[in-house]
């Protein structure tokens, strides 16, 4: 019986960690979608665009460019979008949800 408890505990921890990784990927894709929709000409709130660009920059360390500015809002370039997509393809399996800091982080392979 004790063996079964250990198995279920291990199973729960694995599933819980996988869910955290999936949520981290989902959050990244949602932020990327905001930028992508903006560049496709879809209605985009500037505050959401800025929040998404800041999130992506902080996580990937890819600085976003200001190629247009109005109402004191910074707007990303299409090159930023391309760079963030490339970064995501290479690093998506290293994304995780930090439960303590309550934010998405990336594991750096050393």
C-alpha atoms as a PDB file:
ATOM      1  CA  UNK A   1       0.000   0.000   0.000  1.00  0.00           C
ATOM      2  CA  UNK A   2       2.838   2.358   0.867  1.00  0.00           C
ATOM      3  CA  UNK A   3       4.361   1.745  -2.580  1.00  0.00           C
ATOM      4  CA  UNK A   4       1.111   2.835  -4.217  1.00  0.00           C
ATOM      5  CA  UNK A   5       1.091   6.075  -2.214  1.00  0.00           C
ATOM      6  CA  UNK A   6       4.603   6.880  -3.410  1.00  0.00           C
ATOM      7  CA  UNK A   7       3.613   6.107  -6.974  1.00  0.00           C
ATOM      8  CA  UNK A   8       0.564   8.385  -6.832  1.00  0.00           C
ATOM      9  CA  UNK A   9       2.578  11.162  -5.218  1.00  0.00           C
ATOM     10  CA  UNK A  10       5.253  10.891  -7.908  1.00  0.00           C
ATOM     11  CA  UNK A  11       2.594  10.791 -10.620  1.00  0.00           C
ATOM     12  CA  UNK A  12       0.870  13.880  -9.177  1.00  0.00           C
ATOM     13  CA  UNK A  13       4.158  15.822  -9.036  1.00  0.00           C
ATOM     14  CA  UNK A  14       5.005  14.941 -12.635  1.00  0.00           C
ATOM     15  CA  UNK A  15       1.551  15.961 -13.882  1.00  0.00           C
ATOM     16  CA  UNK A  16       1.611  19.152 -11.822  1.00  0.00           C
ATOM     17  CA  UNK A  17       5.016  20.143 -13.234  1.00  0.00           C
ATOM     18  CA  UNK A  18       3.895  19.366 -16.781  1.00  0.00           C
ATOM     19  CA  UNK A  19       0.816  21.557 -16.289  1.00  0.00           C
ATOM     20  CA  UNK A  20       3.049  24.406 -15.092  1.00  0.00           C
ATOM     21  CA  UNK A  21       5.235  24.066 -18.177  1.00  0.00           C
ATOM     22  CA  UNK A  22       2.176  23.999 -20.431  1.00  0.00           C
ATOM     23  CA  UNK A  23       0.783  27.107 -18.757  1.00  0.00           C
ATOM     24  CA  UNK A  24       4.123  28.889 -19.218  1.00  0.00           C
ATOM     25  CA  UNK A  25       4.073  28.038 -22.923  1.00  0.00           C
ATOM     26  CA  UNK A  26       0.466  29.155 -23.189  1.00  0.00           C
ATOM     27  CA  UNK A  27       1.227  32.495 -21.536  1.00  0.00           C
ATOM     28  CA  UNK A  28       4.179  33.067 -23.867  1.00  0.00           C
ATOM     29  CA  UNK A  29       2.062  32.232 -26.934  1.00  0.00           C
ATOM     30  CA  UNK A  30      -0.715  34.573 -25.735  1.00  0.00           C
ATOM     31  CA  UNK A  31       1.736  37.464 -25.361  1.00  0.00           C
ATOM     32  CA  UNK A  32       3.238  36.670 -28.758  1.00  0.00           C
ATOM     33  CA  UNK A  33      -0.256  36.610 -30.280  1.00  0.00           C
ATOM     34  CA  UNK A  34      -0.916  40.163 -29.094  1.00  0.00           C
ATOM     35  CA  UNK A  35       2.157  41.369 -30.993  1.00  0.00           C
ATOM     36  CA  UNK A  36       1.322  39.205 -34.001  1.00  0.00           C
ATOM     37  CA  UNK A  37      -2.261  40.465 -34.158  1.00  0.00           C
ATOM     38  CA  UNK A  38      -1.013  44.044 -34.039  1.00  0.00           C
ATOM     39  CA  UNK A  39       1.235  43.422 -37.039  1.00  0.00           C
ATOM     40  CA  UNK A  40      -1.646  41.735 -38.885  1.00  0.00           C
ATOM     41  CA  UNK A  41      -3.638  44.943 -38.478  1.00  0.00           C
ATOM     42  CA  UNK A  42      -6.113  43.505 -35.979  1.00  0.00           C
ATOM     43  CA  UNK A  43      -7.523  45.711 -33.262  1.00  0.00           C
ATOM     44  CA  UNK A  44      -4.974  45.804 -30.453  1.00  0.00           C
ATOM     45  CA  UNK A  45      -4.994  47.787 -27.257  1.00  0.00           C
ATOM     46  CA  UNK A  46      -1.704  49.656 -26.918  1.00  0.00           C
ATOM     47  CA  UNK A  47      -1.522  48.860 -23.204  1.00  0.00           C
ATOM     48  CA  UNK A  48      -1.705  45.133 -23.973  1.00  0.00           C
ATOM     49  CA  UNK A  49       0.867  45.498 -26.746  1.00  0.00           C
ATOM     50  CA  UNK A  50       3.268  47.247 -24.382  1.00  0.00           C
ATOM     51  CA  UNK A  51       2.719  44.686 -21.608  1.00  0.00           C
ATOM     52  CA  UNK A  52       3.310  41.854 -24.065  1.00  0.00           C
ATOM     53  CA  UNK A  53       6.461  43.448 -25.501  1.00  0.00           C
ATOM     54  CA  UNK A  54       7.858  44.048 -22.018  1.00  0.00           C
ATOM     55  CA  UNK A  55       7.057  40.468 -20.962  1.00  0.00           C
ATOM     56  CA  UNK A  56       8.725  39.044 -24.078  1.00  0.00           C
ATOM     57  CA  UNK A  57      11.766  41.299 -23.706  1.00  0.00           C
ATOM     58  CA  UNK A  58      12.291  40.454 -20.047  1.00  0.00           C
ATOM     59  CA  UNK A  59      12.013  36.726 -20.693  1.00  0.00           C
ATOM     60  CA  UNK A  60      13.993  36.468 -23.934  1.00  0.00           C
ATOM     61  CA  UNK A  61      16.383  39.391 -23.436  1.00  0.00           C
ATOM     62  CA  UNK A  62      15.544  40.449 -27.018  1.00  0.00           C
ATOM     63  CA  UNK A  63      14.988  44.198 -26.872  1.00  0.00           C
ATOM     64  CA  UNK A  64      12.042  45.526 -28.795  1.00  0.00           C
ATOM     65  CA  UNK A  65      12.548  48.354 -31.225  1.00  0.00           C
ATOM     66  CA  UNK A  66      10.559  51.533 -31.423  1.00  0.00           C
ATOM     67  CA  UNK A  67       9.799  51.920 -35.093  1.00  0.00           C
ATOM     68  CA  UNK A  68       6.715  54.016 -34.625  1.00  0.00           C
ATOM     69  CA  UNK A  69       5.508  56.055 -31.720  1.00  0.00           C
ATOM     70  CA  UNK A  70       2.260  57.779 -30.986  1.00  0.00           C
ATOM     71  CA  UNK A  71       0.535  58.824 -27.794  1.00  0.00           C
ATOM     72  CA  UNK A  72       3.842  58.036 -26.079  1.00  0.00           C
ATOM     73  CA  UNK A  73       3.382  54.333 -26.862  1.00  0.00           C
ATOM     74  CA  UNK A  74       6.205  52.087 -27.965  1.00  0.00           C
ATOM     75  CA  UNK A  75       5.462  49.737 -30.808  1.00  0.00           C
ATOM     76  CA  UNK A  76       7.378  46.584 -31.732  1.00  0.00           C
ATOM     77  CA  UNK A  77       8.809  45.857 -35.162  1.00  0.00           C
ATOM     78  CA  UNK A  78       8.075  42.872 -37.371  1.00  0.00           C
ATOM     79  CA  UNK A  79      11.695  41.830 -36.845  1.00  0.00           C
ATOM     80  CA  UNK A  80      11.042  41.659 -33.078  1.00  0.00           C
ATOM     81  CA  UNK A  81       8.110  39.343 -33.737  1.00  0.00           C
ATOM     82  CA  UNK A  82      10.278  37.115 -35.936  1.00  0.00           C
ATOM     83  CA  UNK A  83      13.089  37.049 -33.341  1.00  0.00           C
ATOM     84  CA  UNK A  84      10.671  36.169 -30.512  1.00  0.00           C
ATOM     85  CA  UNK A  85       9.176  33.325 -32.597  1.00  0.00           C
ATOM     86  CA  UNK A  86      12.637  31.917 -33.295  1.00  0.00           C
ATOM     87  CA  UNK A  87      13.534  32.214 -29.617  1.00  0.00           C
ATOM     88  CA  UNK A  88      10.322  30.389 -28.646  1.00  0.00           C
ATOM     89  CA  UNK A  89      11.017  27.501 -31.027  1.00  0.00           C
ATOM     90  CA  UNK A  90      14.461  27.045 -29.501  1.00  0.00           C
ATOM     91  CA  UNK A  91      13.479  27.561 -25.839  1.00  0.00           C
ATOM     92  CA  UNK A  92       9.841  26.537 -25.395  1.00  0.00           C
ATOM     93  CA  UNK A  93      10.780  23.362 -23.535  1.00  0.00           C
ATOM     94  CA  UNK A  94      12.763  25.411 -21.017  1.00  0.00           C
ATOM     95  CA  UNK A  95       9.813  27.606 -20.002  1.00  0.00           C
ATOM     96  CA  UNK A  96       8.247  27.042 -16.603  1.00  0.00           C
ATOM     97  CA  UNK A  97       5.963  28.724 -14.114  1.00  0.00           C
ATOM     98  CA  UNK A  98       7.806  29.915 -11.006  1.00  0.00           C
ATOM     99  CA  UNK A  99       5.340  29.318  -8.170  1.00  0.00           C
ATOM    100  CA  UNK A 100       7.183  31.573  -5.750  1.00  0.00           C
ATOM    101  CA  UNK A 101       7.544  34.606  -8.006  1.00  0.00           C
ATOM    102  CA  UNK A 102       4.284  33.844  -9.834  1.00  0.00           C
ATOM    103  CA  UNK A 103       5.712  34.390 -13.311  1.00  0.00           C
ATOM    104  CA  UNK A 104       7.056  32.593 -16.353  1.00  0.00           C
ATOM    105  CA  UNK A 105      10.772  31.904 -16.335  1.00  0.00           C
ATOM    106  CA  UNK A 106      13.254  30.122 -18.546  1.00  0.00           C
ATOM    107  CA  UNK A 107      15.682  27.424 -17.420  1.00  0.00           C
ATOM    108  CA  UNK A 108      19.134  28.256 -18.698  1.00  0.00           C
ATOM    109  CA  UNK A 109      21.160  25.226 -19.739  1.00  0.00           C
ATOM    110  CA  UNK A 110      24.712  25.553 -18.627  1.00  0.00           C
END
